[in-house]
Amino acid sequence: MGSNGSVPRRATNAVNREVFGVLAAIIGAVMLFLGWYGVSGRPNLAEQMPYIASATVPGAALVIAASVLLMGSSAQRRSDQTGDLVAELHALLVEEVGTDPSPSPVVEELTGPDAPEALVAVAGTAHYHRPDCTLVSGKAEVERVDPASVEGSELRPCPVCEPTVPTTTAAAPPELAD
């Protein structure tokens, strides 16, 4: 609706274009039929020319004009739908998200002094993260990941928080006495 409660001009134009297109198609088809009917009963070319000039040619022009009007209306409708989708997408992209998501229980546990060495992962994903990573904050499916198991698994480090796997220094095997 327009600002004064009326139908927007663009919608009215689209409806008018469709109505005129359908009317032009019907009138053009009737004129083509009348031209054909008039020509079909006349064996002499000179007697056929008035029917061709007054009915068949204008009828064909009306059918062409009708197709242009209807295609333009269809294109306008698609353009309006695309504009609506773009506006909706823009609204979603600029929508403000919560600035303080509640952390999952696993992340809350790991925010202590051992946080730099702890690793977490969201169930069903292919990356491991630091507990303070923005990609896992607010997610309920966060699980603690053992740093030793990361090296042999298919999990990859998160490209956002870039976690480092703590190196475990295993004691060197005792040398055998002779």
Protein backbone atom coordinates (compact mmCIF):
# COMPACT_ATOMS: atom_id res chain seq x y z
CA MET A 1 0.00 0.00 0.00
CA GLY A 2 1.14 3.52 -0.70
CA SER A 3 1.55 6.20 1.93
CA ASN A 4 -2.03 7.38 1.50
CA GLY A 5 -3.53 3.86 1.60
CA SER A 6 -3.66 3.46 -2.18
CA VAL A 7 -2.15 0.70 -4.26
CA PRO A 8 1.44 1.58 -5.31
CA ARG A 9 1.76 2.91 -8.85
CA ARG A 10 4.22 0.17 -9.83
CA ALA A 11 1.72 -2.57 -8.92
CA THR A 12 -1.04 -0.78 -10.83
CA ASN A 13 1.18 -0.51 -13.91
CA ALA A 14 2.00 -4.22 -13.75
CA VAL A 15 -1.69 -5.14 -13.53
CA ASN A 16 -2.54 -2.76 -16.39
CA ARG A 17 0.26 -4.25 -18.49
CA GLU A 18 -1.10 -7.77 -17.94
CA VAL A 19 -4.71 -6.75 -18.67
CA PHE A 20 -3.75 -4.90 -21.86
CA GLY A 21 -1.52 -7.78 -22.90
CA VAL A 22 -4.30 -10.34 -22.56
CA LEU A 23 -6.80 -8.05 -24.35
CA ALA A 24 -4.33 -7.40 -27.18
CA ALA A 25 -3.73 -11.14 -27.56
CA ILE A 26 -7.46 -11.91 -27.74
CA ILE A 27 -8.23 -9.07 -30.18
CA GLY A 28 -5.18 -9.98 -32.30
CA ALA A 29 -6.25 -13.64 -32.46
CA VAL A 30 -9.79 -12.64 -33.48
CA MET A 31 -8.42 -10.32 -36.18
CA LEU A 32 -6.11 -13.06 -37.49
CA PHE A 33 -9.05 -15.46 -37.68
CA LEU A 34 -11.25 -12.88 -39.48
CA GLY A 35 -8.45 -12.11 -41.92
CA TRP A 36 -7.93 -15.79 -42.66
CA TYR A 37 -11.70 -16.34 -43.03
CA GLY A 38 -12.01 -13.41 -45.44
CA VAL A 39 -9.01 -14.48 -47.52
CA SER A 40 -9.99 -18.16 -47.65
CA GLY A 41 -13.17 -17.50 -49.63
CA ARG A 42 -11.53 -15.28 -52.26
CA PRO A 43 -9.58 -16.92 -55.12
CA ASN A 44 -8.42 -13.62 -56.61
CA LEU A 45 -5.39 -11.91 -55.04
CA ALA A 46 -6.89 -8.46 -55.52
CA GLU A 47 -9.92 -9.50 -53.45
CA GLN A 48 -7.69 -10.94 -50.67
CA MET A 49 -5.58 -7.78 -50.14
CA PRO A 50 -8.18 -5.82 -48.16
CA TYR A 51 -8.53 -8.67 -45.65
CA ILE A 52 -4.77 -9.01 -45.32
CA ALA A 53 -4.28 -5.26 -44.89
CA SER A 54 -7.20 -4.61 -42.56
CA ALA A 55 -7.24 -7.74 -40.40
CA THR A 56 -4.28 -10.10 -40.73
CA VAL A 57 -1.37 -7.63 -40.45
CA PRO A 58 -2.88 -5.61 -37.55
CA GLY A 59 -3.88 -8.87 -35.84
CA ALA A 60 -0.30 -10.13 -36.04
CA ALA A 61 0.96 -6.79 -34.70
CA LEU A 62 -1.45 -7.03 -31.76
CA VAL A 63 -0.30 -10.57 -30.95
CA ILE A 64 3.35 -9.41 -30.99
CA ALA A 65 2.51 -6.40 -28.81
CA ALA A 66 0.66 -8.70 -26.39
CA SER A 67 3.67 -10.96 -26.05
CA VAL A 68 5.93 -7.96 -25.35
CA LEU A 69 3.53 -6.63 -22.69
CA LEU A 70 3.17 -10.01 -20.98
CA MET A 71 6.91 -10.72 -21.02
CA GLY A 72 7.60 -7.26 -19.60
CA SER A 73 5.10 -7.86 -16.82
CA SER A 74 6.67 -11.22 -16.03
CA ALA A 75 10.16 -9.70 -15.97
CA GLN A 76 8.95 -6.89 -13.69
CA ARG A 77 7.44 -9.44 -11.29
CA ARG A 78 10.73 -11.38 -11.17
CA SER A 79 12.66 -8.16 -10.64
CA ASP A 80 10.39 -7.19 -7.74
CA GLN A 81 10.83 -10.64 -6.18
CA THR A 82 14.61 -10.35 -6.55
CA GLY A 83 14.53 -6.91 -4.94
CA ASP A 84 12.53 -8.28 -2.02
CA LEU A 85 15.01 -11.14 -1.56
CA VAL A 86 17.97 -8.75 -1.67
CA ALA A 87 16.31 -6.51 0.93
CA GLU A 88 15.66 -9.52 3.17
CA LEU A 89 19.24 -10.72 2.79
CA HIS A 90 20.55 -7.24 3.58
CA ALA A 91 18.40 -7.11 6.72
CA LEU A 92 19.82 -10.46 7.83
CA LEU A 93 23.38 -9.40 7.16
CA VAL A 94 23.16 -6.15 9.11
CA GLU A 95 21.09 -7.60 11.93
CA GLU A 96 22.87 -7.18 15.23
CA VAL A 97 23.69 -10.42 16.94
CA GLY A 98 23.91 -10.85 20.67
CA THR A 99 27.18 -9.50 21.97
CA ASP A 100 27.27 -11.71 25.04
CA PRO A 101 26.46 -15.31 24.13
CA SER A 102 26.30 -17.64 27.06
CA PRO A 103 29.23 -20.06 26.96
CA SER A 104 28.69 -23.77 27.06
CA PRO A 105 29.42 -25.62 30.33
CA VAL A 106 32.58 -27.16 28.85
CA VAL A 107 33.93 -23.71 27.90
CA GLU A 108 33.11 -22.36 31.37
CA GLU A 109 35.13 -25.20 32.92
CA LEU A 110 38.15 -24.45 30.74
CA THR A 111 38.43 -20.72 31.34
CA GLY A 112 40.72 -21.18 34.27
CA PRO A 113 44.53 -21.21 34.35
CA ASP A 114 44.74 -24.21 32.00
CA ALA A 115 42.72 -22.47 29.25
CA PRO A 116 45.66 -21.85 26.90
CA GLU A 117 46.43 -25.57 26.84
CA ALA A 118 42.85 -26.82 26.62
CA LEU A 119 41.22 -27.63 23.29
CA VAL A 120 37.55 -27.97 22.39
CA ALA A 121 35.54 -29.02 19.35
CA VAL A 122 31.92 -28.77 18.31
CA ALA A 123 30.39 -32.19 17.74
CA GLY A 124 30.26 -33.14 14.08
CA THR A 125 32.76 -30.53 12.84
CA ALA A 126 36.28 -30.89 11.49
CA HIS A 127 38.11 -28.25 13.54
CA TYR A 128 39.41 -27.93 17.09
CA HIS A 129 39.47 -24.58 18.89
CA ARG A 130 40.72 -22.71 21.93
CA PRO A 131 37.95 -22.40 24.55
CA ASP A 132 37.76 -18.62 24.01
CA CYS A 133 37.23 -18.91 20.22
CA THR A 134 34.26 -16.90 18.93
CA LEU A 135 33.18 -19.77 16.70
CA VAL A 136 32.39 -22.02 19.68
CA SER A 137 31.04 -19.41 22.09
CA GLY A 138 27.37 -19.97 22.77
CA LYS A 139 27.27 -23.46 21.25
CA ALA A 140 25.84 -26.24 23.39
CA GLU A 141 27.56 -29.15 21.59
CA VAL A 142 31.10 -28.17 22.62
CA GLU A 143 33.24 -31.08 23.81
CA ARG A 144 36.69 -31.13 25.36
CA VAL A 145 39.34 -32.58 23.07
CA ASP A 146 42.43 -34.34 24.34
CA PRO A 147 45.49 -32.62 22.83
CA ALA A 148 47.26 -35.96 22.42
CA SER A 149 44.43 -37.36 20.31
CA VAL A 150 44.34 -34.33 18.00
CA GLU A 151 47.60 -35.23 16.28
CA GLY A 152 46.33 -38.59 15.06
CA SER A 153 42.76 -37.53 14.25
CA GLU A 154 41.11 -35.86 11.27
CA LEU A 155 40.52 -32.66 13.25
CA ARG A 156 42.26 -29.57 11.88
CA PRO A 157 43.11 -26.35 13.78
CA CYS A 158 40.58 -23.54 13.56
CA PRO A 159 41.71 -20.83 11.12
CA VAL A 160 40.18 -18.12 13.35
CA CYS A 161 41.65 -18.81 16.79
CA GLU A 162 44.67 -20.79 15.53
CA PRO A 163 45.05 -23.13 18.51
CA THR A 164 48.38 -24.73 19.21
CA VAL A 165 48.62 -28.29 20.35
CA PRO A 166 50.65 -28.39 23.56
CA THR A 167 53.75 -30.45 23.13
CA THR A 168 54.07 -33.27 25.54
CA THR A 169 57.63 -34.03 26.35
CA ALA A 170 57.82 -37.69 27.01
CA ALA A 171 60.63 -38.85 29.22
CA ALA A 172 63.47 -40.31 27.27
CA PRO A 173 63.78 -44.06 27.67
CA PRO A 174 66.35 -45.00 30.26
CA GLU A 175 69.55 -46.23 28.82
CA LEU A 176 70.37 -49.80 29.44
CA ALA A 177 73.22 -50.35 31.81
CA ASP A 178 76.03 -52.61 30.67
